[in-house]
Amino acid sequence: GVPEMSLPGLLQTVVHAIVAEIPNPAPADPTGNAKGITLLLSYIKWGVLIVCAGVALASAGYMAAGKLSDRPDNVHKGKTAFLWSFGATVAAAIAIPALNTVFAAAS
């Protein structure tokens, strides 16, 4: 006769049969090779670097003004802002090549 199957074994067999029928298409570029996304991302990357540089210069000026006017609180705020801008610059320096690698692999 027919071998008896348990309910979990039967369910597993049915699920495997259904999943085997689902097609697995190759990945496709959703933008259709449009260069607008790449251009937008490159503008954003340069914008981030320009903002980081601007904040670093402004915080250096804030530190200098605080030092010249004998306001240690302003010097501390300038140092803190400079450290944050340095951290953002490092993060951008890591993220930009990573994004370039991902988009180069996708195209």
N, C-alpha and C. Protein backbone atom coordinates (compact mmCIF):
# COMPACT_ATOMS: atom_id res chain seq x y z
N GLY A 1 0.74 -1.15 0.00
CA GLY A 1 0.00 0.00 0.00
C GLY A 1 0.81 1.27 0.00
N VAL A 2 0.11 2.28 0.32
CA VAL A 2 0.67 3.64 0.36
C VAL A 2 1.29 3.87 1.73
N PRO A 3 2.56 4.34 1.79
CA PRO A 3 3.15 4.60 3.10
C PRO A 3 2.45 5.77 3.77
N GLU A 4 2.26 5.63 5.06
CA GLU A 4 1.59 6.70 5.80
C GLU A 4 2.58 7.82 6.09
N MET A 5 2.10 9.08 5.95
CA MET A 5 2.91 10.25 6.24
C MET A 5 2.26 11.00 7.38
N SER A 6 3.09 11.58 8.20
CA SER A 6 2.55 12.42 9.26
C SER A 6 2.11 13.74 8.65
N LEU A 7 1.31 14.49 9.37
CA LEU A 7 0.82 15.78 8.89
C LEU A 7 1.96 16.76 8.64
N PRO A 8 2.95 16.90 9.55
CA PRO A 8 4.07 17.81 9.25
C PRO A 8 4.86 17.39 8.01
N GLY A 9 5.07 16.09 7.83
CA GLY A 9 5.79 15.61 6.65
C GLY A 9 5.02 15.89 5.38
N LEU A 10 3.70 15.72 5.42
CA LEU A 10 2.85 16.01 4.27
C LEU A 10 2.87 17.49 3.93
N LEU A 11 2.76 18.34 4.98
CA LEU A 11 2.80 19.79 4.76
C LEU A 11 4.15 20.21 4.17
N GLN A 12 5.23 19.62 4.65
CA GLN A 12 6.55 19.95 4.14
C GLN A 12 6.66 19.57 2.67
N THR A 13 6.14 18.43 2.31
CA THR A 13 6.19 17.99 0.91
C THR A 13 5.38 18.92 0.02
N VAL A 14 4.21 19.32 0.49
CA VAL A 14 3.35 20.22 -0.30
C VAL A 14 4.03 21.59 -0.45
N VAL A 15 4.59 22.12 0.63
CA VAL A 15 5.25 23.43 0.56
C VAL A 15 6.44 23.39 -0.38
N HIS A 16 7.25 22.33 -0.32
CA HIS A 16 8.39 22.20 -1.23
C HIS A 16 7.93 22.13 -2.69
N ALA A 17 6.82 21.46 -2.94
CA ALA A 17 6.31 21.35 -4.31
C ALA A 17 5.83 22.71 -4.81
N ILE A 18 5.21 23.49 -3.94
CA ILE A 18 4.72 24.82 -4.34
C ILE A 18 5.89 25.77 -4.57
N VAL A 19 6.86 25.77 -3.65
CA VAL A 19 7.99 26.67 -3.75
C VAL A 19 8.84 26.36 -4.97
N ALA A 20 8.92 25.11 -5.36
CA ALA A 20 9.72 24.72 -6.54
C ALA A 20 9.16 25.33 -7.81
N GLU A 21 7.88 25.68 -7.81
CA GLU A 21 7.24 26.23 -9.00
C GLU A 21 7.39 27.75 -9.11
N ILE A 22 7.86 28.42 -8.07
CA ILE A 22 7.99 29.88 -8.09
C ILE A 22 9.25 30.25 -8.86
N PRO A 23 9.13 31.11 -9.89
CA PRO A 23 10.31 31.48 -10.67
C PRO A 23 11.23 32.43 -9.87
N ASN A 24 12.51 32.42 -10.18
CA ASN A 24 13.49 33.27 -9.52
C ASN A 24 14.18 34.11 -10.60
N PRO A 25 13.62 35.28 -10.94
CA PRO A 25 14.21 36.08 -12.02
C PRO A 25 15.53 36.71 -11.59
N ALA A 26 16.36 37.03 -12.58
CA ALA A 26 17.63 37.69 -12.32
C ALA A 26 17.37 39.13 -11.87
N PRO A 27 18.27 39.71 -11.07
CA PRO A 27 18.06 41.09 -10.64
C PRO A 27 18.13 42.06 -11.83
N ALA A 28 17.32 43.10 -11.76
CA ALA A 28 17.27 44.09 -12.84
C ALA A 28 17.37 45.49 -12.24
N ASP A 29 17.95 46.39 -13.00
CA ASP A 29 18.09 47.78 -12.57
C ASP A 29 16.72 48.46 -12.65
N PRO A 30 16.17 48.92 -11.50
CA PRO A 30 14.83 49.51 -11.53
C PRO A 30 14.80 50.88 -12.22
N THR A 31 15.96 51.53 -12.38
CA THR A 31 15.98 52.85 -13.00
C THR A 31 16.11 52.79 -14.51
N GLY A 32 16.34 51.59 -15.05
CA GLY A 32 16.50 51.47 -16.50
C GLY A 32 17.76 52.17 -17.00
N ASN A 33 18.83 52.09 -16.23
CA ASN A 33 20.12 52.73 -16.54
C ASN A 33 20.04 54.25 -16.64
N ALA A 34 19.10 54.85 -15.91
CA ALA A 34 19.00 56.31 -15.88
C ALA A 34 20.18 56.88 -15.09
N LYS A 35 20.77 57.92 -15.62
CA LYS A 35 21.93 58.53 -14.97
C LYS A 35 21.52 59.60 -13.96
N GLY A 36 20.25 59.92 -13.88
CA GLY A 36 19.79 60.96 -12.96
C GLY A 36 20.02 60.61 -11.50
N ILE A 37 19.80 59.35 -11.15
CA ILE A 37 20.01 58.91 -9.76
C ILE A 37 21.48 59.02 -9.41
N THR A 38 22.36 58.60 -10.31
CA THR A 38 23.79 58.68 -10.06
C THR A 38 24.23 60.12 -9.91
N LEU A 39 23.71 61.00 -10.74
CA LEU A 39 24.04 62.42 -10.66
C LEU A 39 23.55 63.02 -9.34
N LEU A 40 22.34 62.66 -8.94
CA LEU A 40 21.79 63.16 -7.68
C LEU A 40 22.64 62.69 -6.50
N LEU A 41 23.02 61.43 -6.49
CA LEU A 41 23.85 60.92 -5.40
C LEU A 41 25.22 61.59 -5.37
N SER A 42 25.79 61.87 -6.54
CA SER A 42 27.10 62.53 -6.55
C SER A 42 26.98 63.95 -6.02
N TYR A 43 25.89 64.66 -6.33
CA TYR A 43 25.68 66.00 -5.76
C TYR A 43 25.52 65.93 -4.24
N ILE A 44 24.80 64.92 -3.78
CA ILE A 44 24.60 64.77 -2.33
C ILE A 44 25.93 64.49 -1.64
N LYS A 45 26.76 63.62 -2.24
CA LYS A 45 28.06 63.31 -1.64
C LYS A 45 28.94 64.55 -1.54
N TRP A 46 28.99 65.34 -2.60
CA TRP A 46 29.78 66.57 -2.55
C TRP A 46 29.18 67.56 -1.57
N GLY A 47 27.86 67.64 -1.51
CA GLY A 47 27.20 68.54 -0.56
C GLY A 47 27.54 68.19 0.88
N VAL A 48 27.57 66.90 1.18
CA VAL A 48 27.92 66.46 2.54
C VAL A 48 29.35 66.89 2.88
N LEU A 49 30.27 66.68 1.96
CA LEU A 49 31.66 67.08 2.21
C LEU A 49 31.80 68.59 2.38
N ILE A 50 31.07 69.37 1.58
CA ILE A 50 31.12 70.83 1.68
C ILE A 50 30.55 71.29 3.02
N VAL A 51 29.45 70.69 3.45
CA VAL A 51 28.86 71.06 4.75
C VAL A 51 29.81 70.71 5.89
N CYS A 52 30.43 69.53 5.82
CA CYS A 52 31.38 69.14 6.87
C CYS A 52 32.54 70.13 6.95
N ALA A 53 33.06 70.54 5.80
CA ALA A 53 34.15 71.51 5.78
C ALA A 53 33.69 72.87 6.32
N GLY A 54 32.49 73.27 5.95
CA GLY A 54 31.96 74.55 6.44
C GLY A 54 31.78 74.55 7.95
N VAL A 55 31.26 73.46 8.48
CA VAL A 55 31.07 73.37 9.93
C VAL A 55 32.42 73.36 10.64
N ALA A 56 33.42 72.68 10.07
CA ALA A 56 34.74 72.66 10.68
C ALA A 56 35.34 74.07 10.72
N LEU A 57 35.21 74.82 9.64
CA LEU A 57 35.73 76.19 9.61
C LEU A 57 34.96 77.10 10.57
N ALA A 58 33.64 76.96 10.59
CA ALA A 58 32.83 77.79 11.49
C ALA A 58 33.14 77.48 12.95
N SER A 59 33.33 76.21 13.28
CA SER A 59 33.64 75.87 14.67
C SER A 59 35.03 76.34 15.06
N ALA A 60 35.97 76.32 14.11
CA ALA A 60 37.29 76.88 14.38
C ALA A 60 37.21 78.38 14.64
N GLY A 61 36.40 79.06 13.88
CA GLY A 61 36.18 80.50 14.11
C GLY A 61 35.51 80.75 15.44
N TYR A 62 34.59 79.89 15.81
CA TYR A 62 33.90 80.02 17.11
C TYR A 62 34.88 79.82 18.26
N MET A 63 35.79 78.86 18.10
CA MET A 63 36.81 78.64 19.13
C MET A 63 37.72 79.85 19.24
N ALA A 64 38.12 80.40 18.08
CA ALA A 64 39.01 81.56 18.09
C ALA A 64 38.33 82.76 18.72
N ALA A 65 37.08 82.99 18.37
CA ALA A 65 36.35 84.13 18.94
C ALA A 65 36.18 83.95 20.45
N GLY A 66 35.90 82.73 20.88
CA GLY A 66 35.76 82.48 22.32
C GLY A 66 37.07 82.67 23.06
N LYS A 67 38.17 82.28 22.43
CA LYS A 67 39.48 82.45 23.06
C LYS A 67 39.86 83.93 23.15
N LEU A 68 39.63 84.67 22.07
CA LEU A 68 39.99 86.08 22.05
C LEU A 68 39.13 86.91 22.99
N SER A 69 37.88 86.52 23.18
CA SER A 69 36.99 87.29 24.06
C SER A 69 36.94 86.71 25.47
N ASP A 70 37.82 85.75 25.74
CA ASP A 70 37.92 85.12 27.06
C ASP A 70 36.58 84.52 27.51
N ARG A 71 36.00 83.71 26.61
CA ARG A 71 34.75 82.99 26.91
C ARG A 71 35.01 81.50 26.74
N PRO A 72 35.41 80.84 27.81
CA PRO A 72 35.75 79.42 27.69
C PRO A 72 34.57 78.54 27.28
N ASP A 73 33.36 78.99 27.58
CA ASP A 73 32.18 78.22 27.19
C ASP A 73 32.07 78.15 25.67
N ASN A 74 32.36 79.27 24.99
CA ASN A 74 32.32 79.27 23.53
C ASN A 74 33.43 78.42 22.93
N VAL A 75 34.59 78.43 23.59
CA VAL A 75 35.70 77.59 23.11
C VAL A 75 35.29 76.12 23.20
N HIS A 76 34.65 75.75 24.30
CA HIS A 76 34.22 74.36 24.46
C HIS A 76 33.17 73.98 23.42
N LYS A 77 32.23 74.86 23.15
CA LYS A 77 31.21 74.59 22.13
C LYS A 77 31.86 74.46 20.75
N GLY A 78 32.84 75.30 20.47
CA GLY A 78 33.54 75.21 19.19
C GLY A 78 34.30 73.90 19.05
N LYS A 79 34.95 73.46 20.14
CA LYS A 79 35.66 72.19 20.11
C LYS A 79 34.70 71.03 19.87
N THR A 80 33.57 71.08 20.55
CA THR A 80 32.56 70.02 20.39
C THR A 80 32.05 69.98 18.96
N ALA A 81 31.74 71.15 18.40
CA ALA A 81 31.26 71.20 17.01
C ALA A 81 32.33 70.71 16.04
N PHE A 82 33.59 71.05 16.32
CA PHE A 82 34.68 70.60 15.45
C PHE A 82 34.81 69.08 15.49
N LEU A 83 34.71 68.51 16.68
CA LEU A 83 34.80 67.05 16.79
C LEU A 83 33.63 66.36 16.08
N TRP A 84 32.43 66.92 16.18
CA TRP A 84 31.29 66.35 15.48
C TRP A 84 31.48 66.45 13.97
N SER A 85 32.00 67.58 13.50
CA SER A 85 32.22 67.72 12.05
C SER A 85 33.31 66.76 11.59
N PHE A 86 34.33 66.54 12.43
CA PHE A 86 35.37 65.57 12.08
C PHE A 86 34.78 64.16 12.00
N GLY A 87 33.92 63.81 12.95
CA GLY A 87 33.27 62.50 12.92
C GLY A 87 32.39 62.33 11.69
N ALA A 88 31.67 63.39 11.33
CA ALA A 88 30.83 63.32 10.13
C ALA A 88 31.68 63.19 8.87
N THR A 89 32.82 63.85 8.84
CA THR A 89 33.71 63.74 7.69
C THR A 89 34.26 62.32 7.56
N VAL A 90 34.64 61.73 8.68
CA VAL A 90 35.12 60.35 8.65
C VAL A 90 34.02 59.40 8.19
N ALA A 91 32.80 59.61 8.70
CA ALA A 91 31.67 58.77 8.28
C ALA A 91 31.41 58.92 6.78
N ALA A 92 31.49 60.15 6.28
CA ALA A 92 31.28 60.37 4.84
C ALA A 92 32.41 59.74 4.03
N ALA A 93 33.64 59.83 4.56
CA ALA A 93 34.78 59.24 3.85
C ALA A 93 34.67 57.72 3.77
N ILE A 94 33.98 57.12 4.71
CA ILE A 94 33.75 55.67 4.67
C ILE A 94 32.54 55.34 3.79
N ALA A 95 31.50 56.16 3.90
CA ALA A 95 30.25 55.87 3.19
C ALA A 95 30.36 56.09 1.68
N ILE A 96 31.11 57.11 1.26
CA ILE A 96 31.18 57.43 -0.17
C ILE A 96 31.80 56.28 -0.97
N PRO A 97 32.97 55.74 -0.59
CA PRO A 97 33.48 54.60 -1.36
C PRO A 97 32.57 53.37 -1.28
N ALA A 98 31.90 53.19 -0.13
CA ALA A 98 30.98 52.06 -0.01
C ALA A 98 29.82 52.21 -1.00
N LEU A 99 29.26 53.41 -1.10
CA LEU A 99 28.19 53.65 -2.07
C LEU A 99 28.68 53.48 -3.50
N ASN A 100 29.88 53.98 -3.77
CA ASN A 100 30.43 53.83 -5.12
C ASN A 100 30.60 52.35 -5.47
N THR A 101 31.04 51.55 -4.51
CA THR A 101 31.22 50.12 -4.75
C THR A 101 29.88 49.44 -5.02
N VAL A 102 28.87 49.79 -4.22
CA VAL A 102 27.54 49.18 -4.40
C VAL A 102 26.97 49.54 -5.76
N PHE A 103 27.06 50.81 -6.15
CA PHE A 103 26.49 51.21 -7.42
C PHE A 103 27.31 50.71 -8.61
N ALA A 104 28.62 50.55 -8.42
CA ALA A 104 29.43 49.97 -9.50
C ALA A 104 29.09 48.49 -9.71
N ALA A 105 28.81 47.80 -8.61
CA ALA A 105 28.46 46.39 -8.72
C ALA A 105 27.07 46.20 -9.34
N ALA A 106 26.18 47.18 -9.11
CA ALA A 106 24.81 47.06 -9.63
C ALA A 106 24.74 47.36 -11.13
N SER A 107 25.70 48.13 -11.64
CA SER A 107 25.61 48.48 -13.07
C SER A 107 26.53 47.65 -13.92
